[in-house]
Amino acid sequence: MIKIFLSLLGLIVIAYGAREWRNSRLVSLLLVVCSLAAGVLVWFPAWSDQLAHLAGVGRGADMILYCYSAISFLMILNLGLKQRDLHQSTTRLARYIAITTPRLPKGDSSGK
């Protein structure tokens, strides 16, 4: 039952990655590749142990946790960079509006 549930979640993530292809190809590609790899490991869990031993990690579950941590860090970094870019865009827009449409402060009718 859990395999089917995890596989459906993986398909949802793949669909999301395909939809976001125009916005960020690298993130979309990573989402699709990681979801496909996770799907394979869900259906063939012994392979994760074999991969872990090749990577020098004791258990497959530990390796999956390490990979998840690394991917989570990259996603948080990506979100932080996007947030900074949006903040800079908002600042540029506010400056442009302030320069192109100057207004007198309320209550100041002296015309200075």
C-alpha atoms as a PDB file:
ATOM      1  CA  MET A   1       0.000   0.000   0.000  1.00  0.00           C
ATOM      2  CA  ILE A   2       2.802   2.446   0.899  1.00  0.00           C
ATOM      3  CA  LYS A   3       4.547   1.717  -2.403  1.00  0.00           C
ATOM      4  CA  ILE A   4       1.472   2.783  -4.349  1.00  0.00           C
ATOM      5  CA  PHE A   5       1.057   5.933  -2.234  1.00  0.00           C
ATOM      6  CA  LEU A   6       4.728   6.910  -2.654  1.00  0.00           C
ATOM      7  CA  SER A   7       4.568   6.178  -6.375  1.00  0.00           C
ATOM      8  CA  LEU A   8       1.538   8.454  -6.758  1.00  0.00           C
ATOM      9  CA  LEU A   9       3.346  11.212  -4.865  1.00  0.00           C
ATOM     10  CA  GLY A  10       6.316  10.728  -7.173  1.00  0.00           C
ATOM     11  CA  LEU A  11       4.089  11.081 -10.226  1.00  0.00           C
ATOM     12  CA  ILE A  12       2.649  14.305  -8.809  1.00  0.00           C
ATOM     13  CA  VAL A  13       6.159  15.680  -8.296  1.00  0.00           C
ATOM     14  CA  ILE A  14       7.118  14.664 -11.848  1.00  0.00           C
ATOM     15  CA  ALA A  15       4.048  16.453 -13.203  1.00  0.00           C
ATOM     16  CA  TYR A  16       4.947  19.541 -11.175  1.00  0.00           C
ATOM     17  CA  GLY A  17       8.527  19.411 -12.434  1.00  0.00           C
ATOM     18  CA  ALA A  18       7.324  19.185 -16.033  1.00  0.00           C
ATOM     19  CA  ARG A  19       4.993  22.140 -15.491  1.00  0.00           C
ATOM     20  CA  GLU A  20       7.787  24.269 -14.016  1.00  0.00           C
ATOM     21  CA  TRP A  21      10.199  23.519 -16.891  1.00  0.00           C
ATOM     22  CA  ARG A  22       9.901  27.058 -18.318  1.00  0.00           C
ATOM     23  CA  ASN A  23      10.656  28.740 -14.994  1.00  0.00           C
ATOM     24  CA  SER A  24      13.677  26.736 -13.875  1.00  0.00           C
ATOM     25  CA  ARG A  25      15.015  23.925 -16.002  1.00  0.00           C
ATOM     26  CA  LEU A  26      17.618  22.836 -13.478  1.00  0.00           C
ATOM     27  CA  VAL A  27      15.132  22.546 -10.620  1.00  0.00           C
ATOM     28  CA  SER A  28      12.620  20.780 -12.881  1.00  0.00           C
ATOM     29  CA  LEU A  29      15.229  18.326 -14.075  1.00  0.00           C
ATOM     30  CA  LEU A  30      16.328  17.600 -10.514  1.00  0.00           C
ATOM     31  CA  LEU A  31      12.729  17.055  -9.427  1.00  0.00           C
ATOM     32  CA  VAL A  32      12.059  14.607 -12.237  1.00  0.00           C
ATOM     33  CA  VAL A  33      15.330  12.695 -11.830  1.00  0.00           C
ATOM     34  CA  CYS A  34      14.997  12.476  -8.041  1.00  0.00           C
ATOM     35  CA  SER A  35      11.369  11.368  -8.299  1.00  0.00           C
ATOM     36  CA  LEU A  36      12.240   8.678 -10.815  1.00  0.00           C
ATOM     37  CA  ALA A  37      15.144   7.493  -8.659  1.00  0.00           C
ATOM     38  CA  ALA A  38      12.894   7.479  -5.593  1.00  0.00           C
ATOM     39  CA  GLY A  39      10.286   5.483  -7.503  1.00  0.00           C
ATOM     40  CA  VAL A  40      12.864   2.874  -8.440  1.00  0.00           C
ATOM     41  CA  LEU A  41      14.093   2.644  -4.857  1.00  0.00           C
ATOM     42  CA  VAL A  42      10.525   2.345  -3.547  1.00  0.00           C
ATOM     43  CA  TRP A  43       9.886  -0.672  -5.736  1.00  0.00           C
ATOM     44  CA  PHE A  44      13.395  -2.164  -5.356  1.00  0.00           C
ATOM     45  CA  PRO A  45      14.526  -1.251  -1.813  1.00  0.00           C
ATOM     46  CA  ALA A  46      17.507  -3.652  -1.854  1.00  0.00           C
ATOM     47  CA  TRP A  47      19.089  -1.463  -4.535  1.00  0.00           C
ATOM     48  CA  SER A  48      19.377   1.397  -2.048  1.00  0.00           C
ATOM     49  CA  ASP A  49      21.566  -0.781   0.173  1.00  0.00           C
ATOM     50  CA  GLN A  50      23.766  -1.683  -2.790  1.00  0.00           C
ATOM     51  CA  LEU A  51      24.089   1.967  -3.803  1.00  0.00           C
ATOM     52  CA  ALA A  52      24.827   2.937  -0.209  1.00  0.00           C
ATOM     53  CA  HIS A  53      27.654   0.427   0.022  1.00  0.00           C
ATOM     54  CA  LEU A  54      29.095   1.750  -3.245  1.00  0.00           C
ATOM     55  CA  ALA A  55      28.945   5.285  -1.812  1.00  0.00           C
ATOM     56  CA  GLY A  56      30.526   4.216   1.470  1.00  0.00           C
ATOM     57  CA  VAL A  57      27.361   4.570   3.551  1.00  0.00           C
ATOM     58  CA  GLY A  58      26.269   1.788   5.887  1.00  0.00           C
ATOM     59  CA  ARG A  59      22.567   1.519   5.040  1.00  0.00           C
ATOM     60  CA  GLY A  60      20.369   2.516   2.124  1.00  0.00           C
ATOM     61  CA  ALA A  61      17.975   4.366   4.400  1.00  0.00           C
ATOM     62  CA  ASP A  62      20.856   6.521   5.664  1.00  0.00           C
ATOM     63  CA  MET A  63      21.934   7.323   2.118  1.00  0.00           C
ATOM     64  CA  ILE A  64      18.394   8.312   1.188  1.00  0.00           C
ATOM     65  CA  LEU A  65      18.253  10.585   4.239  1.00  0.00           C
ATOM     66  CA  TYR A  66      21.561  12.215   3.246  1.00  0.00           C
ATOM     67  CA  CYS A  67      20.338  12.739  -0.305  1.00  0.00           C
ATOM     68  CA  TYR A  68      17.070  14.180   0.976  1.00  0.00           C
ATOM     69  CA  SER A  69      18.977  16.590   3.216  1.00  0.00           C
ATOM     70  CA  ALA A  70      21.163  17.760   0.327  1.00  0.00           C
ATOM     71  CA  ILE A  71      18.176  18.224  -1.984  1.00  0.00           C
ATOM     72  CA  SER A  72      16.260  20.085   0.730  1.00  0.00           C
ATOM     73  CA  PHE A  73      19.219  22.413   1.227  1.00  0.00           C
ATOM     74  CA  LEU A  74      19.360  23.125  -2.511  1.00  0.00           C
ATOM     75  CA  MET A  75      15.631  23.821  -2.646  1.00  0.00           C
ATOM     76  CA  ILE A  76      15.832  26.199   0.322  1.00  0.00           C
ATOM     77  CA  LEU A  77      18.758  27.962  -1.330  1.00  0.00           C
ATOM     78  CA  ASN A  78      16.799  28.238  -4.572  1.00  0.00           C
ATOM     79  CA  LEU A  79      13.784  29.695  -2.757  1.00  0.00           C
ATOM     80  CA  GLY A  80      15.993  32.178  -0.945  1.00  0.00           C
ATOM     81  CA  LEU A  81      17.557  33.320  -4.217  1.00  0.00           C
ATOM     82  CA  LYS A  82      14.121  33.715  -5.786  1.00  0.00           C
ATOM     83  CA  GLN A  83      12.912  35.710  -2.793  1.00  0.00           C
ATOM     84  CA  ARG A  84      15.924  38.017  -3.030  1.00  0.00           C
ATOM     85  CA  ASP A  85      15.302  38.515  -6.754  1.00  0.00           C
ATOM     86  CA  LEU A  86      11.642  39.355  -6.110  1.00  0.00           C
ATOM     87  CA  HIS A  87      12.646  41.826  -3.407  1.00  0.00           C
ATOM     88  CA  GLN A  88      15.074  43.536  -5.786  1.00  0.00           C
ATOM     89  CA  SER A  89      12.415  43.697  -8.506  1.00  0.00           C
ATOM     90  CA  THR A  90       9.915  45.236  -6.095  1.00  0.00           C
ATOM     91  CA  THR A  91      12.495  47.799  -4.990  1.00  0.00           C
ATOM     92  CA  ARG A  92      13.276  48.749  -8.604  1.00  0.00           C
ATOM     93  CA  LEU A  93       9.574  49.061  -9.385  1.00  0.00           C
ATOM     94  CA  ALA A  94       8.954  51.262  -6.330  1.00  0.00           C
ATOM     95  CA  ARG A  95      11.874  53.503  -7.285  1.00  0.00           C
ATOM     96  CA  TYR A  96      10.625  53.802 -10.855  1.00  0.00           C
ATOM     97  CA  ILE A  97       7.116  54.737  -9.698  1.00  0.00           C
ATOM     98  CA  ALA A  98       8.497  57.252  -7.191  1.00  0.00           C
ATOM     99  CA  ILE A  99      10.683  58.932  -9.823  1.00  0.00           C
ATOM    100  CA  THR A 100       8.118  59.006 -12.628  1.00  0.00           C
ATOM    101  CA  THR A 101       5.158  60.177 -10.543  1.00  0.00           C
ATOM    102  CA  PRO A 102       6.398  62.600  -7.879  1.00  0.00           C
ATOM    103  CA  ARG A 103       3.793  63.862  -5.424  1.00  0.00           C
ATOM    104  CA  LEU A 104       3.779  66.556  -2.819  1.00  0.00           C
ATOM    105  CA  PRO A 105       3.386  65.427   0.766  1.00  0.00           C
ATOM    106  CA  LYS A 106      -0.159  65.762   2.099  1.00  0.00           C
ATOM    107  CA  GLY A 107      -0.850  69.154   3.614  1.00  0.00           C
ATOM    108  CA  ASP A 108       2.012  70.857   1.724  1.00  0.00           C
ATOM    109  CA  SER A 109       0.442  73.397  -0.620  1.00  0.00           C
ATOM    110  CA  SER A 110       3.399  75.763  -0.814  1.00  0.00           C
ATOM    111  CA  GLY A 111       4.476  74.359  -4.191  1.00  0.00           C
ATOM    112  CA  LYS A 112       8.074  73.863  -3.118  1.00  0.00           C
END
